[in-house]
Amino acid sequence: MHVSELKEFFFWSAAINYGVLLVWFAVFVFAHEWVYRMHTRWFRLSVETFDALNYLGVAVYKIGIMLLNLTPLIALHLIR
């Protein structure tokens, strides 16, 4: 696999992952009550706990994108 193919792979992987992150954010902001009600069917959560868990999930996902997609992409750009 050539460096240009790897760059394209990491670019599209990062773009798709950031798209997922944006959808997650939009659902959390615009459908918060619906998602909260759906999850409290299975788990006993307060609104504060639910918000904190979502915030933690977004943070972990964002760190994963940075470590697994953006860092290799930047490294590939630097070696050229």
PDB file of N, CA and C in Angstrom:
ATOM      1  N   MET A   1       0.855  -1.180   0.000  1.00  0.00           N
ATOM      2  CA  MET A   1       0.000   0.000   0.000  1.00  0.00           C
ATOM      3  C   MET A   1       0.897   1.238   0.000  1.00  0.00           C
ATOM      4  N   HIS A   2       0.584   2.161  -0.866  1.00  0.00           N
ATOM      5  CA  HIS A   2       1.380   3.369  -1.004  1.00  0.00           C
ATOM      6  C   HIS A   2       0.982   4.402   0.037  1.00  0.00           C
ATOM      7  N   VAL A   3       1.902   5.335   0.281  1.00  0.00           N
ATOM      8  CA  VAL A   3       1.659   6.381   1.278  1.00  0.00           C
ATOM      9  C   VAL A   3       0.437   7.211   0.905  1.00  0.00           C
ATOM     10  N   SER A   4       0.248   7.479  -0.368  1.00  0.00           N
ATOM     11  CA  SER A   4      -0.909   8.279  -0.785  1.00  0.00           C
ATOM     12  C   SER A   4      -2.224   7.557  -0.474  1.00  0.00           C
ATOM     13  N   GLU A   5      -2.243   6.247  -0.618  1.00  0.00           N
ATOM     14  CA  GLU A   5      -3.444   5.473  -0.267  1.00  0.00           C
ATOM     15  C   GLU A   5      -3.687   5.497   1.231  1.00  0.00           C
ATOM     16  N   LEU A   6      -2.619   5.402   2.010  1.00  0.00           N
ATOM     17  CA  LEU A   6      -2.769   5.473   3.466  1.00  0.00           C
ATOM     18  C   LEU A   6      -3.294   6.838   3.902  1.00  0.00           C
ATOM     19  N   LYS A   7      -2.776   7.891   3.275  1.00  0.00           N
ATOM     20  CA  LYS A   7      -3.263   9.236   3.599  1.00  0.00           C
ATOM     21  C   LYS A   7      -4.759   9.350   3.317  1.00  0.00           C
ATOM     22  N   GLU A   8      -5.155   8.846   2.163  1.00  0.00           N
ATOM     23  CA  GLU A   8      -6.579   8.904   1.802  1.00  0.00           C
ATOM     24  C   GLU A   8      -7.420   8.084   2.772  1.00  0.00           C
ATOM     25  N   PHE A   9      -6.917   6.904   3.139  1.00  0.00           N
ATOM     26  CA  PHE A   9      -7.642   6.058   4.089  1.00  0.00           C
ATOM     27  C   PHE A   9      -7.836   6.776   5.417  1.00  0.00           C
ATOM     28  N   PHE A  10      -6.764   7.324   5.985  1.00  0.00           N
ATOM     29  CA  PHE A  10      -6.881   7.998   7.281  1.00  0.00           C
ATOM     30  C   PHE A  10      -7.722   9.260   7.196  1.00  0.00           C
ATOM     31  N   PHE A  11      -7.652   9.968   6.061  1.00  0.00           N
ATOM     32  CA  PHE A  11      -8.485  11.152   5.887  1.00  0.00           C
ATOM     33  C   PHE A  11      -9.964  10.782   5.913  1.00  0.00           C
ATOM     34  N   TRP A  12     -10.355   9.789   5.103  1.00  0.00           N
ATOM     35  CA  TRP A  12     -11.767   9.411   5.044  1.00  0.00           C
ATOM     36  C   TRP A  12     -12.225   8.767   6.352  1.00  0.00           C
ATOM     37  N   SER A  13     -11.358   8.041   6.992  1.00  0.00           N
ATOM     38  CA  SER A  13     -11.701   7.458   8.284  1.00  0.00           C
ATOM     39  C   SER A  13     -11.980   8.552   9.314  1.00  0.00           C
ATOM     40  N   ALA A  14     -11.129   9.563   9.344  1.00  0.00           N
ATOM     41  CA  ALA A  14     -11.343  10.691  10.260  1.00  0.00           C
ATOM     42  C   ALA A  14     -12.623  11.445   9.904  1.00  0.00           C
ATOM     43  N   ALA A  15     -12.864  11.661   8.616  1.00  0.00           N
ATOM     44  CA  ALA A  15     -14.070  12.386   8.190  1.00  0.00           C
ATOM     45  C   ALA A  15     -15.336  11.635   8.594  1.00  0.00           C
ATOM     46  N   ILE A  16     -15.356  10.334   8.387  1.00  0.00           N
ATOM     47  CA  ILE A  16     -16.527   9.535   8.760  1.00  0.00           C
ATOM     48  C   ILE A  16     -16.717   9.547  10.268  1.00  0.00           C
ATOM     49  N   ASN A  17     -15.630   9.401  11.010  1.00  0.00           N
ATOM     50  CA  ASN A  17     -15.736   9.409  12.471  1.00  0.00           C
ATOM     51  C   ASN A  17     -16.205  10.757  13.005  1.00  0.00           C
ATOM     52  N   TYR A  18     -15.729  11.850  12.409  1.00  0.00           N
ATOM     53  CA  TYR A  18     -16.222  13.163  12.838  1.00  0.00           C
ATOM     54  C   TYR A  18     -17.690  13.348  12.449  1.00  0.00           C
ATOM     55  N   GLY A  19     -18.114  12.753  11.346  1.00  0.00           N
ATOM     56  CA  GLY A  19     -19.543  12.767  10.995  1.00  0.00           C
ATOM     57  C   GLY A  19     -20.382  12.050  12.039  1.00  0.00           C
ATOM     58  N   VAL A  20     -19.909  10.897  12.489  1.00  0.00           N
ATOM     59  CA  VAL A  20     -20.605  10.160  13.562  1.00  0.00           C
ATOM     60  C   VAL A  20     -20.658  11.017  14.818  1.00  0.00           C
ATOM     61  N   LEU A  21     -19.557  11.677  15.139  1.00  0.00           N
ATOM     62  CA  LEU A  21     -19.507  12.541  16.318  1.00  0.00           C
ATOM     63  C   LEU A  21     -20.510  13.693  16.208  1.00  0.00           C
ATOM     64  N   LEU A  22     -20.630  14.278  15.028  1.00  0.00           N
ATOM     65  CA  LEU A  22     -21.592  15.365  14.830  1.00  0.00           C
ATOM     66  C   LEU A  22     -23.033  14.880  14.944  1.00  0.00           C
ATOM     67  N   VAL A  23     -23.315  13.688  14.416  1.00  0.00           N
ATOM     68  CA  VAL A  23     -24.664  13.120  14.549  1.00  0.00           C
ATOM     69  C   VAL A  23     -24.968  12.847  16.020  1.00  0.00           C
ATOM     70  N   TRP A  24     -24.000  12.283  16.736  1.00  0.00           N
ATOM     71  CA  TRP A  24     -24.169  12.035  18.171  1.00  0.00           C
ATOM     72  C   TRP A  24     -24.488  13.335  18.902  1.00  0.00           C
ATOM     73  N   PHE A  25     -23.726  14.397  18.616  1.00  0.00           N
ATOM     74  CA  PHE A  25     -23.962  15.690  19.246  1.00  0.00           C
ATOM     75  C   PHE A  25     -25.349  16.232  18.909  1.00  0.00           C
ATOM     76  N   ALA A  26     -25.729  16.148  17.629  1.00  0.00           N
ATOM     77  CA  ALA A  26     -27.031  16.668  17.209  1.00  0.00           C
ATOM     78  C   ALA A  26     -28.173  15.911  17.881  1.00  0.00           C
ATOM     79  N   VAL A  27     -28.071  14.601  17.950  1.00  0.00           N
ATOM     80  CA  VAL A  27     -29.113  13.809  18.609  1.00  0.00           C
ATOM     81  C   VAL A  27     -29.167  14.161  20.089  1.00  0.00           C
ATOM     82  N   PHE A  28     -28.007  14.312  20.705  1.00  0.00           N
ATOM     83  CA  PHE A  28     -27.972  14.641  22.129  1.00  0.00           C
ATOM     84  C   PHE A  28     -28.590  16.012  22.400  1.00  0.00           C
ATOM     85  N   VAL A  29     -28.355  16.969  21.516  1.00  0.00           N
ATOM     86  CA  VAL A  29     -28.877  18.322  21.728  1.00  0.00           C
ATOM     87  C   VAL A  29     -30.362  18.414  21.364  1.00  0.00           C
ATOM     88  N   PHE A  30     -30.747  17.869  20.204  1.00  0.00           N
ATOM     89  CA  PHE A  30     -32.097  18.093  19.707  1.00  0.00           C
ATOM     90  C   PHE A  30     -33.103  17.021  20.105  1.00  0.00           C
ATOM     91  N   ALA A  31     -32.640  15.852  20.536  1.00  0.00           N
ATOM     92  CA  ALA A  31     -33.562  14.781  20.951  1.00  0.00           C
ATOM     93  C   ALA A  31     -33.188  14.251  22.331  1.00  0.00           C
ATOM     94  N   HIS A  32     -32.720  15.146  23.180  1.00  0.00           N
ATOM     95  CA  HIS A  32     -32.230  14.743  24.500  1.00  0.00           C
ATOM     96  C   HIS A  32     -33.280  13.991  25.308  1.00  0.00           C
ATOM     97  N   GLU A  33     -34.467  14.525  25.394  1.00  0.00           N
ATOM     98  CA  GLU A  33     -35.511  13.893  26.214  1.00  0.00           C
ATOM     99  C   GLU A  33     -35.902  12.518  25.678  1.00  0.00           C
ATOM    100  N   TRP A  34     -36.033  12.403  24.373  1.00  0.00           N
ATOM    101  CA  TRP A  34     -36.395  11.117  23.779  1.00  0.00           C
ATOM    102  C   TRP A  34     -35.329  10.068  24.048  1.00  0.00           C
ATOM    103  N   VAL A  35     -34.057  10.432  23.853  1.00  0.00           N
ATOM    104  CA  VAL A  35     -32.964   9.485  24.092  1.00  0.00           C
ATOM    105  C   VAL A  35     -32.887   9.138  25.575  1.00  0.00           C
ATOM    106  N   TYR A  36     -33.085  10.120  26.436  1.00  0.00           N
ATOM    107  CA  TYR A  36     -33.070   9.866  27.878  1.00  0.00           C
ATOM    108  C   TYR A  36     -34.182   8.897  28.271  1.00  0.00           C
ATOM    109  N   ARG A  37     -35.395   9.128  27.770  1.00  0.00           N
ATOM    110  CA  ARG A  37     -36.506   8.215  28.083  1.00  0.00           C
ATOM    111  C   ARG A  37     -36.238   6.809  27.565  1.00  0.00           C
ATOM    112  N   MET A  38     -35.654   6.704  26.376  1.00  0.00           N
ATOM    113  CA  MET A  38     -35.351   5.400  25.804  1.00  0.00           C
ATOM    114  C   MET A  38     -34.350   4.644  26.680  1.00  0.00           C
ATOM    115  N   HIS A  39     -33.339   5.325  27.171  1.00  0.00           N
ATOM    116  CA  HIS A  39     -32.322   4.651  27.976  1.00  0.00           C
ATOM    117  C   HIS A  39     -32.787   4.359  29.396  1.00  0.00           C
ATOM    118  N   THR A  40     -33.679   5.168  29.920  1.00  0.00           N
ATOM    119  CA  THR A  40     -34.150   4.897  31.281  1.00  0.00           C
ATOM    120  C   THR A  40     -35.153   3.745  31.324  1.00  0.00           C
ATOM    121  N   ARG A  41     -35.544   3.230  30.182  1.00  0.00           N
ATOM    122  CA  ARG A  41     -36.339   1.992  30.180  1.00  0.00           C
ATOM    123  C   ARG A  41     -35.500   0.825  30.678  1.00  0.00           C
ATOM    124  N   TRP A  42     -34.211   0.848  30.359  1.00  0.00           N
ATOM    125  CA  TRP A  42     -33.325  -0.264  30.709  1.00  0.00           C
ATOM    126  C   TRP A  42     -32.471   0.018  31.938  1.00  0.00           C
ATOM    127  N   PHE A  43     -32.132   1.286  32.162  1.00  0.00           N
ATOM    128  CA  PHE A  43     -31.230   1.647  33.252  1.00  0.00           C
ATOM    129  C   PHE A  43     -31.867   2.737  34.099  1.00  0.00           C
ATOM    130  N   ARG A  44     -31.611   2.680  35.393  1.00  0.00           N
ATOM    131  CA  ARG A  44     -32.077   3.744  36.291  1.00  0.00           C
ATOM    132  C   ARG A  44     -30.999   4.818  36.333  1.00  0.00           C
ATOM    133  N   LEU A  45     -31.228   5.904  35.598  1.00  0.00           N
ATOM    134  CA  LEU A  45     -30.261   6.985  35.502  1.00  0.00           C
ATOM    135  C   LEU A  45     -30.934   8.315  35.791  1.00  0.00           C
ATOM    136  N   SER A  46     -30.218   9.155  36.509  1.00  0.00           N
ATOM    137  CA  SER A  46     -30.693  10.530  36.632  1.00  0.00           C
ATOM    138  C   SER A  46     -30.270  11.285  35.369  1.00  0.00           C
ATOM    139  N   VAL A  47     -30.868  12.430  35.157  1.00  0.00           N
ATOM    140  CA  VAL A  47     -30.528  13.237  33.985  1.00  0.00           C
ATOM    141  C   VAL A  47     -29.055  13.644  34.046  1.00  0.00           C
ATOM    142  N   GLU A  48     -28.572  13.988  35.243  1.00  0.00           N
ATOM    143  CA  GLU A  48     -27.178  14.396  35.392  1.00  0.00           C
ATOM    144  C   GLU A  48     -26.226  13.256  35.051  1.00  0.00           C
ATOM    145  N   THR A  49     -26.542  12.044  35.490  1.00  0.00           N
ATOM    146  CA  THR A  49     -25.705  10.881  35.193  1.00  0.00           C
ATOM    147  C   THR A  49     -25.724  10.580  33.697  1.00  0.00           C
ATOM    148  N   PHE A  50     -26.903  10.647  33.104  1.00  0.00           N
ATOM    149  CA  PHE A  50     -27.035  10.419  31.670  1.00  0.00           C
ATOM    150  C   PHE A  50     -26.201  11.420  30.874  1.00  0.00           C
ATOM    151  N   ASP A  51     -26.282  12.699  31.253  1.00  0.00           N
ATOM    152  CA  ASP A  51     -25.500  13.735  30.568  1.00  0.00           C
ATOM    153  C   ASP A  51     -23.999  13.509  30.756  1.00  0.00           C
ATOM    154  N   ALA A  52     -23.595  13.143  31.975  1.00  0.00           N
ATOM    155  CA  ALA A  52     -22.175  12.911  32.241  1.00  0.00           C
ATOM    156  C   ALA A  52     -21.656  11.716  31.443  1.00  0.00           C
ATOM    157  N   LEU A  53     -22.446  10.653  31.346  1.00  0.00           N
ATOM    158  CA  LEU A  53     -22.021   9.487  30.574  1.00  0.00           C
ATOM    159  C   LEU A  53     -21.901   9.817  29.085  1.00  0.00           C
ATOM    160  N   ASN A  54     -22.823  10.600  28.567  1.00  0.00           N
ATOM    161  CA  ASN A  54     -22.728  11.013  27.167  1.00  0.00           C
ATOM    162  C   ASN A  54     -21.517  11.905  26.934  1.00  0.00           C
ATOM    163  N   TYR A  55     -21.268  12.815  27.856  1.00  0.00           N
ATOM    164  CA  TYR A  55     -20.106  13.692  27.743  1.00  0.00           C
ATOM    165  C   TYR A  55     -18.818  12.866  27.760  1.00  0.00           C
ATOM    166  N   LEU A  56     -18.751  11.886  28.644  1.00  0.00           N
ATOM    167  CA  LEU A  56     -17.593  11.003  28.715  1.00  0.00           C
ATOM    168  C   LEU A  56     -17.442  10.192  27.429  1.00  0.00           C
ATOM    169  N   GLY A  57     -18.552   9.683  26.906  1.00  0.00           N
ATOM    170  CA  GLY A  57     -18.508   8.930  25.663  1.00  0.00           C
ATOM    171  C   GLY A  57     -18.012   9.757  24.498  1.00  0.00           C
ATOM    172  N   VAL A  58     -18.480  10.982  24.395  1.00  0.00           N
ATOM    173  CA  VAL A  58     -18.033  11.879  23.327  1.00  0.00           C
ATOM    174  C   VAL A  58     -16.539  12.166  23.484  1.00  0.00           C
ATOM    175  N   ALA A  59     -16.097  12.398  24.711  1.00  0.00           N
ATOM    176  CA  ALA A  59     -14.680  12.692  24.943  1.00  0.00           C
ATOM    177  C   ALA A  59     -13.796  11.503  24.578  1.00  0.00           C
ATOM    178  N   VAL A  60     -14.179  10.304  24.983  1.00  0.00           N
ATOM    179  CA  VAL A  60     -13.396   9.107  24.669  1.00  0.00           C
ATOM    180  C   VAL A  60     -13.382   8.864  23.161  1.00  0.00           C
ATOM    181  N   TYR A  61     -14.526   9.033  22.510  1.00  0.00           N
ATOM    182  CA  TYR A  61     -14.605   8.839  21.060  1.00  0.00           C
ATOM    183  C   TYR A  61     -13.717   9.851  20.334  1.00  0.00           C
ATOM    184  N   LYS A  62     -13.749  11.109  20.794  1.00  0.00           N
ATOM    185  CA  LYS A  62     -12.941  12.152  20.168  1.00  0.00           C
ATOM    186  C   LYS A  62     -11.447  11.869  20.350  1.00  0.00           C
ATOM    187  N   ILE A  63     -11.056  11.424  21.524  1.00  0.00           N
ATOM    188  CA  ILE A  63      -9.655  11.064  21.758  1.00  0.00           C
ATOM    189  C   ILE A  63      -9.262   9.897  20.863  1.00  0.00           C
ATOM    190  N   GLY A  64     -10.141   8.927  20.703  1.00  0.00           N
ATOM    191  CA  GLY A  64      -9.872   7.805  19.812  1.00  0.00           C
ATOM    192  C   GLY A  64      -9.664   8.249  18.375  1.00  0.00           C
ATOM    193  N   ILE A  65     -10.473   9.197  17.912  1.00  0.00           N
ATOM    194  CA  ILE A  65     -10.312   9.728  16.553  1.00  0.00           C
ATOM    195  C   ILE A  65      -8.946  10.396  16.415  1.00  0.00           C
ATOM    196  N   MET A  66      -8.586  11.179  17.415  1.00  0.00           N
ATOM    197  CA  MET A  66      -7.300  11.876  17.342  1.00  0.00           C
ATOM    198  C   MET A  66      -6.130  10.903  17.344  1.00  0.00           C
ATOM    199  N   LEU A  67      -6.188   9.899  18.198  1.00  0.00           N
ATOM    200  CA  LEU A  67      -5.073   8.956  18.305  1.00  0.00           C
ATOM    201  C   LEU A  67      -4.999   7.987  17.134  1.00  0.00           C
ATOM    202  N   LEU A  68      -6.143   7.513  16.659  1.00  0.00           N
ATOM    203  CA  LEU A  68      -6.147   6.445  15.669  1.00  0.00           C
ATOM    204  C   LEU A  68      -6.316   6.923  14.224  1.00  0.00           C
ATOM    205  N   ASN A  69      -6.743   8.162  14.026  1.00  0.00           N
ATOM    206  CA  ASN A  69      -6.932   8.669  12.667  1.00  0.00           C
ATOM    207  C   ASN A  69      -6.064   9.885  12.370  1.00  0.00           C
ATOM    208  N   LEU A  70      -6.144  10.893  13.218  1.00  0.00           N
ATOM    209  CA  LEU A  70      -5.453  12.139  12.905  1.00  0.00           C
ATOM    210  C   LEU A  70      -3.944  12.054  13.108  1.00  0.00           C
ATOM    211  N   THR A  71      -3.505  11.386  14.163  1.00  0.00           N
ATOM    212  CA  THR A  71      -2.060  11.273  14.412  1.00  0.00           C
ATOM    213  C   THR A  71      -1.350  10.541  13.276  1.00  0.00           C
ATOM    214  N   PRO A  72      -1.848   9.370  12.828  1.00  0.00           N
ATOM    215  CA  PRO A  72      -1.182   8.740  11.685  1.00  0.00           C
ATOM    216  C   PRO A  72      -1.247   9.585  10.410  1.00  0.00           C
ATOM    217  N   LEU A  73      -2.353  10.295  10.215  1.00  0.00           N
ATOM    218  CA  LEU A  73      -2.476  11.145   9.027  1.00  0.00           C
ATOM    219  C   LEU A  73      -1.436  12.260   9.051  1.00  0.00           C
ATOM    220  N   ILE A  74      -1.269  12.903  10.194  1.00  0.00           N
ATOM    221  CA  ILE A  74      -0.278  13.965  10.327  1.00  0.00           C
ATOM    222  C   ILE A  74       1.134  13.400  10.140  1.00  0.00           C
ATOM    223  N   ALA A  75       1.387  12.232  10.724  1.00  0.00           N
ATOM    224  CA  ALA A  75       2.703  11.606  10.571  1.00  0.00           C
ATOM    225  C   ALA A  75       2.997  11.302   9.107  1.00  0.00           C
ATOM    226  N   LEU A  76       2.012  10.809   8.384  1.00  0.00           N
ATOM    227  CA  LEU A  76       2.225  10.527   6.960  1.00  0.00           C
ATOM    228  C   LEU A  76       2.487  11.799   6.158  1.00  0.00           C
ATOM    229  N   HIS A  77       1.834  12.888   6.537  1.00  0.00           N
ATOM    230  CA  HIS A  77       2.086  14.161   5.845  1.00  0.00           C
ATOM    231  C   HIS A  77       3.482  14.685   6.163  1.00  0.00           C
ATOM    232  N   LEU A  78       3.962  14.429   7.368  1.00  0.00           N
ATOM    233  CA  LEU A  78       5.269  14.939   7.762  1.00  0.00           C
ATOM    234  C   LEU A  78       6.420  14.159   7.125  1.00  0.00           C
ATOM    235  N   ILE A  79       6.216  12.891   6.830  1.00  0.00           N
ATOM    236  CA  ILE A  79       7.323  12.119   6.259  1.00  0.00           C
ATOM    237  C   ILE A  79       7.509  12.381   4.775  1.00  0.00           C
ATOM    238  N   ARG A  80       6.590  13.015   4.144  1.00  0.00           N
ATOM    239  CA  ARG A  80       6.701  13.308   2.708  1.00  0.00           C
ATOM    240  C   ARG A  80       7.597  14.477   2.474  1.00  0.00           C
TER     241      ARG A  80
END
